[in-house]
PDB file of N, CA and C in Angstrom:
ATOM      1  N   UNK A   1      -9.981 -24.416   4.122  1.00  0.00           N
ATOM      2  CA  UNK A   1     -10.890 -23.292   4.084  1.00  0.00           C
ATOM      3  C   UNK A   1     -11.231 -23.018   2.630  1.00  0.00           C
ATOM      4  N   UNK A   2     -12.307 -23.609   2.139  1.00  0.00           N
ATOM      5  CA  UNK A   2     -12.649 -23.524   0.731  1.00  0.00           C
ATOM      6  C   UNK A   2     -13.317 -22.205   0.375  1.00  0.00           C
ATOM      7  N   UNK A   3     -13.885 -21.506   1.339  1.00  0.00           N
ATOM      8  CA  UNK A   3     -14.642 -20.290   1.055  1.00  0.00           C
ATOM      9  C   UNK A   3     -13.820 -19.048   1.420  1.00  0.00           C
ATOM     10  N   UNK A   4     -12.582 -18.983   0.918  1.00  0.00           N
ATOM     11  CA  UNK A   4     -11.700 -17.871   1.236  1.00  0.00           C
ATOM     12  C   UNK A   4     -11.836 -16.789   0.172  1.00  0.00           C
ATOM     13  N   UNK A   5     -12.041 -15.568   0.634  1.00  0.00           N
ATOM     14  CA  UNK A   5     -12.144 -14.433  -0.282  1.00  0.00           C
ATOM     15  C   UNK A   5     -10.858 -13.623  -0.196  1.00  0.00           C
ATOM     16  N   UNK A   6     -10.330 -13.275  -1.343  1.00  0.00           N
ATOM     17  CA  UNK A   6      -9.217 -12.332  -1.394  1.00  0.00           C
ATOM     18  C   UNK A   6      -9.808 -10.966  -1.701  1.00  0.00           C
ATOM     19  N   UNK A   7      -9.666 -10.057  -0.774  1.00  0.00           N
ATOM     20  CA  UNK A   7     -10.198  -8.706  -0.930  1.00  0.00           C
ATOM     21  C   UNK A   7      -9.044  -7.810  -1.345  1.00  0.00           C
ATOM     22  N   UNK A   8      -9.237  -7.077  -2.423  1.00  0.00           N
ATOM     23  CA  UNK A   8      -8.157  -6.323  -3.033  1.00  0.00           C
ATOM     24  C   UNK A   8      -8.512  -4.841  -3.105  1.00  0.00           C
ATOM     25  N   UNK A   9      -7.514  -4.001  -2.894  1.00  0.00           N
ATOM     26  CA  UNK A   9      -7.646  -2.564  -3.108  1.00  0.00           C
ATOM     27  C   UNK A   9      -6.312  -2.058  -3.626  1.00  0.00           C
ATOM     28  N   UNK A  10      -6.350  -1.083  -4.520  1.00  0.00           N
ATOM     29  CA  UNK A  10      -5.107  -0.551  -5.060  1.00  0.00           C
ATOM     30  C   UNK A  10      -5.272   0.923  -5.391  1.00  0.00           C
ATOM     31  N   UNK A  11      -4.142   1.578  -5.494  1.00  0.00           N
ATOM     32  CA  UNK A  11      -4.101   2.978  -5.905  1.00  0.00           C
ATOM     33  C   UNK A  11      -2.966   3.109  -6.912  1.00  0.00           C
ATOM     34  N   UNK A  12      -3.183   3.955  -7.888  1.00  0.00           N
ATOM     35  CA  UNK A  12      -2.167   4.164  -8.912  1.00  0.00           C
ATOM     36  C   UNK A  12      -1.681   5.612  -8.874  1.00  0.00           C
ATOM     37  N   UNK A  13      -0.501   5.830  -9.412  1.00  0.00           N
ATOM     38  CA  UNK A  13       0.100   7.154  -9.573  1.00  0.00           C
ATOM     39  C   UNK A  13       0.294   7.892  -8.253  1.00  0.00           C
ATOM     40  N   UNK A  14       0.754   7.191  -7.236  1.00  0.00           N
ATOM     41  CA  UNK A  14       1.139   7.837  -5.980  1.00  0.00           C
ATOM     42  C   UNK A  14       2.454   8.565  -6.247  1.00  0.00           C
ATOM     43  N   UNK A  15       2.560   9.859  -5.961  1.00  0.00           N
ATOM     44  CA  UNK A  15       3.764  10.609  -6.350  1.00  0.00           C
ATOM     45  C   UNK A  15       4.966  10.391  -5.433  1.00  0.00           C
ATOM     46  N   UNK A  16       5.222   9.159  -5.059  1.00  0.00           N
ATOM     47  CA  UNK A  16       6.371   8.766  -4.245  1.00  0.00           C
ATOM     48  C   UNK A  16       7.004   7.574  -4.949  1.00  0.00           C
ATOM     49  N   UNK A  17       8.308   7.477  -4.936  1.00  0.00           N
ATOM     50  CA  UNK A  17       8.969   6.389  -5.646  1.00  0.00           C
ATOM     51  C   UNK A  17       8.619   5.041  -5.011  1.00  0.00           C
ATOM     52  N   UNK A  18       8.621   4.020  -5.834  1.00  0.00           N
ATOM     53  CA  UNK A  18       8.250   2.683  -5.370  1.00  0.00           C
ATOM     54  C   UNK A  18       9.229   2.163  -4.325  1.00  0.00           C
ATOM     55  N   UNK A  19      10.471   2.566  -4.412  1.00  0.00           N
ATOM     56  CA  UNK A  19      11.481   2.132  -3.443  1.00  0.00           C
ATOM     57  C   UNK A  19      11.132   2.632  -2.042  1.00  0.00           C
ATOM     58  N   UNK A  20      10.650   3.861  -1.930  1.00  0.00           N
ATOM     59  CA  UNK A  20      10.284   4.420  -0.634  1.00  0.00           C
ATOM     60  C   UNK A  20       8.985   3.808  -0.107  1.00  0.00           C
ATOM     61  N   UNK A  21       8.061   3.496  -1.018  1.00  0.00           N
ATOM     62  CA  UNK A  21       6.796   2.889  -0.591  1.00  0.00           C
ATOM     63  C   UNK A  21       7.031   1.461  -0.124  1.00  0.00           C
ATOM     64  N   UNK A  22       7.970   0.759  -0.739  1.00  0.00           N
ATOM     65  CA  UNK A  22       8.255  -0.625  -0.341  1.00  0.00           C
ATOM     66  C   UNK A  22       8.781  -0.710   1.081  1.00  0.00           C
ATOM     67  N   UNK A  23       9.506   0.312   1.530  1.00  0.00           N
ATOM     68  CA  UNK A  23       9.987   0.317   2.911  1.00  0.00           C
ATOM     69  C   UNK A  23       8.830   0.288   3.903  1.00  0.00           C
ATOM     70  N   UNK A  24       7.739   0.973   3.564  1.00  0.00           N
ATOM     71  CA  UNK A  24       6.564   1.010   4.434  1.00  0.00           C
ATOM     72  C   UNK A  24       5.758  -0.276   4.300  1.00  0.00           C
ATOM     73  N   UNK A  25       5.575  -0.739   3.072  1.00  0.00           N
ATOM     74  CA  UNK A  25       4.752  -1.921   2.817  1.00  0.00           C
ATOM     75  C   UNK A  25       5.369  -3.162   3.450  1.00  0.00           C
ATOM     76  N   UNK A  26       6.699  -3.237   3.468  1.00  0.00           N
ATOM     77  CA  UNK A  26       7.366  -4.394   4.066  1.00  0.00           C
ATOM     78  C   UNK A  26       7.123  -4.479   5.570  1.00  0.00           C
ATOM     79  N   UNK A  27       6.859  -3.351   6.213  1.00  0.00           N
ATOM     80  CA  UNK A  27       6.622  -3.332   7.655  1.00  0.00           C
ATOM     81  C   UNK A  27       5.267  -3.926   8.038  1.00  0.00           C
ATOM     82  N   UNK A  28       4.269  -3.846   7.133  1.00  0.00           N
ATOM     83  CA  UNK A  28       2.912  -4.268   7.507  1.00  0.00           C
ATOM     84  C   UNK A  28       2.500  -5.604   6.905  1.00  0.00           C
ATOM     85  N   UNK A  29       3.275  -6.138   5.993  1.00  0.00           N
ATOM     86  CA  UNK A  29       2.894  -7.393   5.335  1.00  0.00           C
ATOM     87  C   UNK A  29       2.793  -8.516   6.359  1.00  0.00           C
ATOM     88  N   UNK A  30       1.682  -9.251   6.359  1.00  0.00           N
ATOM     89  CA  UNK A  30       1.481 -10.379   7.258  1.00  0.00           C
ATOM     90  C   UNK A  30       0.821 -10.026   8.577  1.00  0.00           C
ATOM     91  N   UNK A  31       0.603  -8.749   8.852  1.00  0.00           N
ATOM     92  CA  UNK A  31      -0.014  -8.344  10.111  1.00  0.00           C
ATOM     93  C   UNK A  31      -1.529  -8.346   9.993  1.00  0.00           C
ATOM     94  N   UNK A  32      -2.180  -8.258  11.140  1.00  0.00           N
ATOM     95  CA  UNK A  32      -3.623  -8.071  11.142  1.00  0.00           C
ATOM     96  C   UNK A  32      -3.930  -6.657  10.682  1.00  0.00           C
ATOM     97  N   UNK A  33      -5.098  -6.460  10.096  1.00  0.00           N
ATOM     98  CA  UNK A  33      -5.433  -5.191   9.472  1.00  0.00           C
ATOM     99  C   UNK A  33      -5.479  -4.045  10.486  1.00  0.00           C
ATOM    100  N   UNK A  34      -6.111  -4.266  11.637  1.00  0.00           N
ATOM    101  CA  UNK A  34      -6.186  -3.211  12.652  1.00  0.00           C
ATOM    102  C   UNK A  34      -4.808  -2.860  13.206  1.00  0.00           C
ATOM    103  N   UNK A  35      -4.007  -3.857  13.431  1.00  0.00           N
ATOM    104  CA  UNK A  35      -2.666  -3.632  13.947  1.00  0.00           C
ATOM    105  C   UNK A  35      -1.816  -2.871  12.922  1.00  0.00           C
ATOM    106  N   UNK A  36      -1.978  -3.186  11.645  1.00  0.00           N
ATOM    107  CA  UNK A  36      -1.227  -2.502  10.594  1.00  0.00           C
ATOM    108  C   UNK A  36      -1.635  -1.033  10.499  1.00  0.00           C
ATOM    109  N   UNK A  37      -2.910  -0.743  10.687  1.00  0.00           N
ATOM    110  CA  UNK A  37      -3.354   0.659  10.686  1.00  0.00           C
ATOM    111  C   UNK A  37      -2.712   1.442  11.823  1.00  0.00           C
ATOM    112  N   UNK A  38      -2.593   0.821  12.988  1.00  0.00           N
ATOM    113  CA  UNK A  38      -1.940   1.492  14.116  1.00  0.00           C
ATOM    114  C   UNK A  38      -0.457   1.744  13.825  1.00  0.00           C
ATOM    115  N   UNK A  39       0.198   0.783  13.206  1.00  0.00           N
ATOM    116  CA  UNK A  39       1.605   0.954  12.865  1.00  0.00           C
ATOM    117  C   UNK A  39       1.771   2.099  11.864  1.00  0.00           C
ATOM    118  N   UNK A  40       0.903   2.148  10.861  1.00  0.00           N
ATOM    119  CA  UNK A  40       0.998   3.191   9.846  1.00  0.00           C
ATOM    120  C   UNK A  40       0.686   4.573  10.410  1.00  0.00           C
ATOM    121  N   UNK A  41      -0.186   4.633  11.387  1.00  0.00           N
ATOM    122  CA  UNK A  41      -0.568   5.921  11.966  1.00  0.00           C
ATOM    123  C   UNK A  41       0.626   6.624  12.613  1.00  0.00           C
ATOM    124  N   UNK A  42       1.539   5.866  13.213  1.00  0.00           N
ATOM    125  CA  UNK A  42       2.669   6.454  13.921  1.00  0.00           C
ATOM    126  C   UNK A  42       3.985   6.359  13.155  1.00  0.00           C
ATOM    127  N   UNK A  43       3.931   5.974  11.892  1.00  0.00           N
ATOM    128  CA  UNK A  43       5.138   5.870  11.090  1.00  0.00           C
ATOM    129  C   UNK A  43       5.477   7.241  10.500  1.00  0.00           C
ATOM    130  N   UNK A  44       6.730   7.680  10.575  1.00  0.00           N
ATOM    131  CA  UNK A  44       7.074   9.026  10.119  1.00  0.00           C
ATOM    132  C   UNK A  44       7.231   9.164   8.603  1.00  0.00           C
ATOM    133  N   UNK A  45       7.259   8.063   7.863  1.00  0.00           N
ATOM    134  CA  UNK A  45       7.477   8.124   6.423  1.00  0.00           C
ATOM    135  C   UNK A  45       6.287   8.772   5.719  1.00  0.00           C
ATOM    136  N   UNK A  46       6.568   9.508   4.663  1.00  0.00           N
ATOM    137  CA  UNK A  46       5.504  10.154   3.891  1.00  0.00           C
ATOM    138  C   UNK A  46       4.660   9.124   3.153  1.00  0.00           C
ATOM    139  N   UNK A  47       5.228   7.976   2.839  1.00  0.00           N
ATOM    140  CA  UNK A  47       4.494   6.941   2.108  1.00  0.00           C
ATOM    141  C   UNK A  47       3.477   6.225   2.986  1.00  0.00           C
ATOM    142  N   UNK A  48       3.514   6.446   4.291  1.00  0.00           N
ATOM    143  CA  UNK A  48       2.581   5.750   5.182  1.00  0.00           C
ATOM    144  C   UNK A  48       1.147   6.229   4.970  1.00  0.00           C
ATOM    145  N   UNK A  49       0.955   7.485   4.609  1.00  0.00           N
ATOM    146  CA  UNK A  49      -0.411   8.003   4.424  1.00  0.00           C
ATOM    147  C   UNK A  49      -1.143   7.353   3.254  1.00  0.00           C
ATOM    148  N   UNK A  50      -0.559   7.297   2.030  1.00  0.00           N
ATOM    149  CA  UNK A  50      -1.287   6.611   0.952  1.00  0.00           C
ATOM    150  C   UNK A  50      -1.454   5.123   1.193  1.00  0.00           C
ATOM    151  N   UNK A  51      -0.490   4.476   1.855  1.00  0.00           N
ATOM    152  CA  UNK A  51      -0.622   3.043   2.145  1.00  0.00           C
ATOM    153  C   UNK A  51      -1.760   2.820   3.139  1.00  0.00           C
ATOM    154  N   UNK A  52      -1.874   3.692   4.143  1.00  0.00           N
ATOM    155  CA  UNK A  52      -2.968   3.576   5.113  1.00  0.00           C
ATOM    156  C   UNK A  52      -4.311   3.798   4.437  1.00  0.00           C
ATOM    157  N   UNK A  53      -4.347   4.706   3.487  1.00  0.00           N
ATOM    158  CA  UNK A  53      -5.590   4.973   2.769  1.00  0.00           C
ATOM    159  C   UNK A  53      -6.038   3.756   1.955  1.00  0.00           C
ATOM    160  N   UNK A  54      -5.092   3.079   1.314  1.00  0.00           N
ATOM    161  CA  UNK A  54      -5.412   1.866   0.556  1.00  0.00           C
ATOM    162  C   UNK A  54      -5.857   0.755   1.496  1.00  0.00           C
ATOM    163  N   UNK A  55      -5.212   0.646   2.640  1.00  0.00           N
ATOM    164  CA  UNK A  55      -5.585  -0.388   3.610  1.00  0.00           C
ATOM    165  C   UNK A  55      -6.992  -0.152   4.145  1.00  0.00           C
ATOM    166  N   UNK A  56      -7.327   1.104   4.448  1.00  0.00           N
ATOM    167  CA  UNK A  56      -8.696   1.399   4.895  1.00  0.00           C
ATOM    168  C   UNK A  56      -9.710   1.085   3.807  1.00  0.00           C
ATOM    169  N   UNK A  57      -9.356   1.323   2.555  1.00  0.00           N
ATOM    170  CA  UNK A  57     -10.248   1.000   1.440  1.00  0.00           C
ATOM    171  C   UNK A  57     -10.446  -0.515   1.320  1.00  0.00           C
ATOM    172  N   UNK A  58      -9.386  -1.285   1.499  1.00  0.00           N
ATOM    173  CA  UNK A  58      -9.491  -2.750   1.429  1.00  0.00           C
ATOM    174  C   UNK A  58     -10.351  -3.286   2.569  1.00  0.00           C
ATOM    175  N   UNK A  59     -10.205  -2.702   3.756  1.00  0.00           N
ATOM    176  CA  UNK A  59     -11.030  -3.125   4.895  1.00  0.00           C
ATOM    177  C   UNK A  59     -12.500  -2.813   4.627  1.00  0.00           C
ATOM    178  N   UNK A  60     -12.764  -1.643   4.079  1.00  0.00           N
ATOM    179  CA  UNK A  60     -14.148  -1.274   3.757  1.00  0.00           C
ATOM    180  C   UNK A  60     -14.729  -2.192   2.682  1.00  0.00           C
ATOM    181  N   UNK A  61     -13.919  -2.568   1.698  1.00  0.00           N
ATOM    182  CA  UNK A  61     -14.374  -3.509   0.673  1.00  0.00           C
ATOM    183  C   UNK A  61     -14.736  -4.858   1.290  1.00  0.00           C
ATOM    184  N   UNK A  62     -13.925  -5.316   2.232  1.00  0.00           N
ATOM    185  CA  UNK A  62     -14.186  -6.612   2.869  1.00  0.00           C
ATOM    186  C   UNK A  62     -15.470  -6.575   3.682  1.00  0.00           C
ATOM    187  N   UNK A  63     -15.685  -5.482   4.405  1.00  0.00           N
ATOM    188  CA  UNK A  63     -16.882  -5.387   5.246  1.00  0.00           C
ATOM    189  C   UNK A  63     -18.148  -5.225   4.409  1.00  0.00           C
ATOM    190  N   UNK A  64     -18.091  -4.385   3.399  1.00  0.00           N
ATOM    191  CA  UNK A  64     -19.298  -4.097   2.615  1.00  0.00           C
ATOM    192  C   UNK A  64     -19.627  -5.186   1.599  1.00  0.00           C
ATOM    193  N   UNK A  65     -18.620  -5.659   0.877  1.00  0.00           N
ATOM    194  CA  UNK A  65     -18.890  -6.583  -0.227  1.00  0.00           C
ATOM    195  C   UNK A  65     -18.974  -8.039   0.201  1.00  0.00           C
ATOM    196  N   UNK A  66     -18.219  -8.420   1.234  1.00  0.00           N
ATOM    197  CA  UNK A  66     -18.178  -9.826   1.632  1.00  0.00           C
ATOM    198  C   UNK A  66     -18.693 -10.073   3.036  1.00  0.00           C
ATOM    199  N   UNK A  67     -18.982  -9.022   3.793  1.00  0.00           N
ATOM    200  CA  UNK A  67     -19.498  -9.181   5.145  1.00  0.00           C
ATOM    201  C   UNK A  67     -18.489  -9.748   6.125  1.00  0.00           C
ATOM    202  N   UNK A  68     -17.220  -9.521   5.894  1.00  0.00           N
ATOM    203  CA  UNK A  68     -16.184 -10.038   6.779  1.00  0.00           C
ATOM    204  C   UNK A  68     -15.972  -9.086   7.954  1.00  0.00           C
ATOM    205  N   UNK A  69     -15.541  -9.636   9.056  1.00  0.00           N
ATOM    206  CA  UNK A  69     -15.277  -8.829  10.241  1.00  0.00           C
ATOM    207  C   UNK A  69     -13.883  -8.223  10.160  1.00  0.00           C
ATOM    208  N   UNK A  70     -13.745  -7.002  10.646  1.00  0.00           N
ATOM    209  CA  UNK A  70     -12.478  -6.283  10.612  1.00  0.00           C
ATOM    210  C   UNK A  70     -11.402  -6.988  11.428  1.00  0.00           C
ATOM    211  N   UNK A  71     -11.789  -7.618  12.537  1.00  0.00           N
ATOM    212  CA  UNK A  71     -10.819  -8.281  13.404  1.00  0.00           C
ATOM    213  C   UNK A  71     -10.274  -9.572  12.798  1.00  0.00           C
ATOM    214  N   UNK A  72     -10.958 -10.118  11.802  1.00  0.00           N
ATOM    215  CA  UNK A  72     -10.556 -11.394  11.203  1.00  0.00           C
ATOM    216  C   UNK A  72      -9.627 -11.221  10.005  1.00  0.00           C
ATOM    217  N   UNK A  73      -9.341  -9.987   9.605  1.00  0.00           N
ATOM    218  CA  UNK A  73      -8.604  -9.747   8.364  1.00  0.00           C
ATOM    219  C   UNK A  73      -7.097  -9.666   8.604  1.00  0.00           C
ATOM    220  N   UNK A  74      -6.352 -10.288   7.684  1.00  0.00           N
ATOM    221  CA  UNK A  74      -4.894 -10.297   7.717  1.00  0.00           C
ATOM    222  C   UNK A  74      -4.409  -9.813   6.352  1.00  0.00           C
ATOM    223  N   UNK A  75      -3.312  -9.070   6.341  1.00  0.00           N
ATOM    224  CA  UNK A  75      -2.740  -8.620   5.079  1.00  0.00           C
ATOM    225  C   UNK A  75      -2.019  -9.801   4.447  1.00  0.00           C
ATOM    226  N   UNK A  76      -2.615 -10.349   3.409  1.00  0.00           N
ATOM    227  CA  UNK A  76      -2.086 -11.538   2.749  1.00  0.00           C
ATOM    228  C   UNK A  76      -0.954 -11.160   1.790  1.00  0.00           C
ATOM    229  N   UNK A  77      -1.189 -10.150   0.960  1.00  0.00           N
ATOM    230  CA  UNK A  77      -0.171  -9.655   0.040  1.00  0.00           C
ATOM    231  C   UNK A  77      -0.184  -8.131   0.090  1.00  0.00           C
ATOM    232  N   UNK A  78       0.963  -7.544  -0.041  1.00  0.00           N
ATOM    233  CA  UNK A  78       1.077  -6.094  -0.151  1.00  0.00           C
ATOM    234  C   UNK A  78       2.332  -5.808  -0.954  1.00  0.00           C
ATOM    235  N   UNK A  79       2.175  -5.028  -2.012  1.00  0.00           N
ATOM    236  CA  UNK A  79       3.340  -4.714  -2.830  1.00  0.00           C
ATOM    237  C   UNK A  79       3.177  -3.361  -3.495  1.00  0.00           C
ATOM    238  N   UNK A  80       4.312  -2.790  -3.876  1.00  0.00           N
ATOM    239  CA  UNK A  80       4.356  -1.502  -4.558  1.00  0.00           C
ATOM    240  C   UNK A  80       5.107  -1.688  -5.867  1.00  0.00           C
ATOM    241  N   UNK A  81       4.476  -1.313  -6.961  1.00  0.00           N
ATOM    242  CA  UNK A  81       5.085  -1.428  -8.279  1.00  0.00           C
ATOM    243  C   UNK A  81       5.469  -0.042  -8.790  1.00  0.00           C
ATOM    244  N   UNK A  82       6.329  -0.035  -9.775  1.00  0.00           N
ATOM    245  CA  UNK A  82       6.780   1.221 -10.368  1.00  0.00           C
ATOM    246  C   UNK A  82       5.671   1.776 -11.262  1.00  0.00           C
ATOM    247  N   UNK A  83       5.365   3.045 -11.091  1.00  0.00           N
ATOM    248  CA  UNK A  83       4.380   3.713 -11.918  1.00  0.00           C
ATOM    249  C   UNK A  83       5.064   4.542 -12.994  1.00  0.00           C
ATOM    250  N   UNK A  84       4.304   5.342 -13.706  1.00  0.00           N
ATOM    251  CA  UNK A  84       4.915   6.179 -14.735  1.00  0.00           C
ATOM    252  C   UNK A  84       5.804   7.254 -14.117  1.00  0.00           C
ATOM    253  N   UNK A  85       6.895   7.570 -14.790  1.00  0.00           N
ATOM    254  CA  UNK A  85       7.794   8.615 -14.295  1.00  0.00           C
ATOM    255  C   UNK A  85       7.801   9.777 -15.270  1.00  0.00           C
ATOM    256  N   UNK A  86       7.967  10.962 -14.712  1.00  0.00           N
ATOM    257  CA  UNK A  86       7.937  12.190 -15.481  1.00  0.00           C
ATOM    258  C   UNK A  86       9.334  12.767 -15.571  1.00  0.00           C
ATOM    259  N   UNK A  87       9.724  13.210 -16.746  1.00  0.00           N
ATOM    260  CA  UNK A  87      11.002  13.900 -16.920  1.00  0.00           C
ATOM    261  C   UNK A  87      10.775  15.375 -16.639  1.00  0.00           C
ATOM    262  N   UNK A  88      11.676  15.938 -15.870  1.00  0.00           N
ATOM    263  CA  UNK A  88      11.575  17.334 -15.469  1.00  0.00           C
ATOM    264  C   UNK A  88      12.945  17.935 -15.639  1.00  0.00           C
ATOM    265  N   UNK A  89      13.037  19.253 -15.717  1.00  0.00           N
ATOM    266  CA  UNK A  89      14.349  19.860 -15.856  1.00  0.00           C
ATOM    267  C   UNK A  89      14.466  21.070 -14.941  1.00  0.00           C
ATOM    268  N   UNK A  90      15.651  21.248 -14.449  1.00  0.00           N
ATOM    269  CA  UNK A  90      15.989  22.422 -13.661  1.00  0.00           C
ATOM    270  C   UNK A  90      17.212  23.043 -14.320  1.00  0.00           C
ATOM    271  N   UNK A  91      17.130  24.324 -14.569  1.00  0.00           N
ATOM    272  CA  UNK A  91      18.201  24.978 -15.306  1.00  0.00           C
ATOM    273  C   UNK A  91      19.385  25.255 -14.395  1.00  0.00           C
ATOM    274  N   UNK A  92      20.576  25.007 -14.916  1.00  0.00           N
ATOM    275  CA  UNK A  92      21.798  25.172 -14.154  1.00  0.00           C
ATOM    276  C   UNK A  92      22.647  26.298 -14.708  1.00  0.00           C
ATOM    277  N   UNK A  93      23.865  26.324 -14.283  1.00  0.00           N
ATOM    278  CA  UNK A  93      24.769  27.391 -14.684  1.00  0.00           C
ATOM    279  C   UNK A  93      25.206  27.238 -16.140  1.00  0.00           C
ATOM    280  N   UNK A  94      25.566  28.332 -16.764  1.00  0.00           N
ATOM    281  CA  UNK A  94      26.118  28.406 -18.115  1.00  0.00           C
ATOM    282  C   UNK A  94      25.211  27.752 -19.158  1.00  0.00           C
ATOM    283  N   UNK A  95      23.904  27.937 -19.022  1.00  0.00           N
ATOM    284  CA  UNK A  95      22.968  27.480 -20.038  1.00  0.00           C
ATOM    285  C   UNK A  95      22.686  25.998 -20.040  1.00  0.00           C
ATOM    286  N   UNK A  96      23.164  25.272 -19.049  1.00  0.00           N
ATOM    287  CA  UNK A  96      22.889  23.835 -18.976  1.00  0.00           C
ATOM    288  C   UNK A  96      21.597  23.588 -18.221  1.00  0.00           C
ATOM    289  N   UNK A  97      21.090  22.394 -18.334  1.00  0.00           N
ATOM    290  CA  UNK A  97      19.974  22.035 -17.469  1.00  0.00           C
ATOM    291  C   UNK A  97      20.238  20.693 -16.836  1.00  0.00           C
ATOM    292  N   UNK A  98      19.691  20.540 -15.644  1.00  0.00           N
ATOM    293  CA  UNK A  98      19.871  19.344 -14.839  1.00  0.00           C
ATOM    294  C   UNK A  98      18.594  18.507 -14.930  1.00  0.00           C
ATOM    295  N   UNK A  99      18.662  17.343 -15.566  1.00  0.00           N
ATOM    296  CA  UNK A  99      17.445  16.525 -15.684  1.00  0.00           C
ATOM    297  C   UNK A  99      17.056  15.913 -14.344  1.00  0.00           C
ATOM    298  N   UNK A 100      15.762  15.842 -14.094  1.00  0.00           N
ATOM    299  CA  UNK A 100      15.215  15.215 -12.896  1.00  0.00           C
ATOM    300  C   UNK A 100      14.158  14.218 -13.337  1.00  0.00           C
ATOM    301  N   UNK A 101      14.039  13.145 -12.606  1.00  0.00           N
ATOM    302  CA  UNK A 101      13.002  12.158 -12.883  1.00  0.00           C
ATOM    303  C   UNK A 101      12.065  12.138 -11.692  1.00  0.00           C
ATOM    304  N   UNK A 102      10.817  12.465 -11.910  1.00  0.00           N
ATOM    305  CA  UNK A 102       9.819  12.415 -10.839  1.00  0.00           C
ATOM    306  C   UNK A 102       9.110  11.072 -10.938  1.00  0.00           C
ATOM    307  N   UNK A 103       9.383  10.230  -9.989  1.00  0.00           N
ATOM    308  CA  UNK A 103       8.880   8.858 -10.028  1.00  0.00           C
ATOM    309  C   UNK A 103       7.538   8.745  -9.309  1.00  0.00           C
ATOM    310  N   UNK A 104       6.775   7.745  -9.716  1.00  0.00           N
ATOM    311  CA  UNK A 104       5.509   7.453  -9.046  1.00  0.00           C
ATOM    312  C   UNK A 104       5.398   5.947  -8.868  1.00  0.00           C
ATOM    313  N   UNK A 105       4.386   5.532  -8.132  1.00  0.00           N
ATOM    314  CA  UNK A 105       4.231   4.106  -7.849  1.00  0.00           C
ATOM    315  C   UNK A 105       2.761   3.753  -7.756  1.00  0.00           C
ATOM    316  N   UNK A 106       2.487   2.459  -7.751  1.00  0.00           N
ATOM    317  CA  UNK A 106       1.137   1.959  -7.507  1.00  0.00           C
ATOM    318  C   UNK A 106       1.219   0.956  -6.364  1.00  0.00           C
ATOM    319  N   UNK A 107       0.248   1.030  -5.464  1.00  0.00           N
ATOM    320  CA  UNK A 107       0.238   0.207  -4.257  1.00  0.00           C
ATOM    321  C   UNK A 107      -0.957  -0.730  -4.315  1.00  0.00           C
ATOM    322  N   UNK A 108      -0.737  -2.008  -4.034  1.00  0.00           N
ATOM    323  CA  UNK A 108      -1.804  -3.004  -4.005  1.00  0.00           C
ATOM    324  C   UNK A 108      -1.755  -3.736  -2.678  1.00  0.00           C
ATOM    325  N   UNK A 109      -2.926  -3.891  -2.053  1.00  0.00           N
ATOM    326  CA  UNK A 109      -3.041  -4.634  -0.797  1.00  0.00           C
ATOM    327  C   UNK A 109      -4.135  -5.676  -0.963  1.00  0.00           C
ATOM    328  N   UNK A 110      -3.824  -6.911  -0.588  1.00  0.00           N
ATOM    329  CA  UNK A 110      -4.784  -8.010  -0.652  1.00  0.00           C
ATOM    330  C   UNK A 110      -4.992  -8.527   0.772  1.00  0.00           C
ATOM    331  N   UNK A 111      -6.243  -8.543   1.208  1.00  0.00           N
ATOM    332  CA  UNK A 111      -6.591  -9.032   2.530  1.00  0.00           C
ATOM    333  C   UNK A 111      -7.224 -10.408   2.422  1.00  0.00           C
ATOM    334  N   UNK A 112      -7.062 -11.188   3.476  1.00  0.00           N
ATOM    335  CA  UNK A 112      -7.672 -12.513   3.545  1.00  0.00           C
ATOM    336  C   UNK A 112      -8.116 -12.762   4.973  1.00  0.00           C
ATOM    337  N   UNK A 113      -9.130 -13.617   5.137  1.00  0.00           N
ATOM    338  CA  UNK A 113      -9.600 -13.976   6.473  1.00  0.00           C
ATOM    339  C   UNK A 113      -8.526 -14.780   7.191  1.00  0.00           C
ATOM    340  N   UNK A 114      -8.418 -14.543   8.504  1.00  0.00           N
ATOM    341  CA  UNK A 114      -7.446 -15.268   9.318  1.00  0.00           C
ATOM    342  C   UNK A 114      -7.795 -16.748   9.333  1.00  0.00           C
ATOM    343  N   UNK A 115      -6.771 -17.581   9.202  1.00  0.00           N
ATOM    344  CA  UNK A 115      -6.980 -19.041   9.224  1.00  0.00           C
ATOM    345  C   UNK A 115      -7.388 -19.462  10.629  1.00  0.00           C
ATOM    346  N   UNK A 116      -8.463 -20.190  10.733  1.00  0.00           N
ATOM    347  CA  UNK A 116      -8.920 -20.684  12.025  1.00  0.00           C
ATOM    348  C   UNK A 116      -8.179 -21.990  12.341  1.00  0.00           C
ATOM    349  N   UNK A 117      -7.827 -22.159  13.563  1.00  0.00           N
ATOM    350  CA  UNK A 117      -7.117 -23.370  13.980  1.00  0.00           C
ATOM    351  C   UNK A 117      -8.015 -24.585  13.828  1.00  0.00           C
ATOM    352  N   UNK A 118      -7.522 -25.597  13.136  1.00  0.00           N
ATOM    353  CA  UNK A 118      -8.314 -26.813  12.943  1.00  0.00           C
ATOM    354  C   UNK A 118      -8.323 -27.624  14.234  1.00  0.00           C
ATOM    355  N   UNK A 119      -9.537 -27.956  14.686  1.00  0.00           N
ATOM    356  CA  UNK A 119      -9.667 -28.680  15.959  1.00  0.00           C
ATOM    357  C   UNK A 119      -9.733 -30.161  15.738  1.00  0.00           C
TER     358      UNK A 119
END
C-alpha cells in the first residue's frame, strides 16, 4: 500500500498526569476509530474525555484533509508524553509547607487506513 497517509492529531498541556493518560491510551491502541470512540465514551477514567477529543480531531482531519472514510481508519499509534509540571505548595502545621507537583501531559494519536487483504 504505497499511498498510505498517517493522519495525526495531538493536544498539549492536558492537566492529568501522563501515567493516568497512558492507562486509557493503552486500551484503544490498534482498534478501529469508531470502536475506540465507543470504548472511550463508557470509560470511567477522567483521562478518557481529552483522549476522545483528540481522537475525534484526528478523524475529522482524515475526512477533511485526505478524504478518508471513518470506517476505514485504525489507530496506528497512540501515546502520552510527560508535559510541563507545576510546583505548588500547601501550608502545613508549625509553619511548614507541603510541596505538590501538578503534572500535565501531551497526547498524540496517529490514524492510518485499514490494510486491505491482498487477493
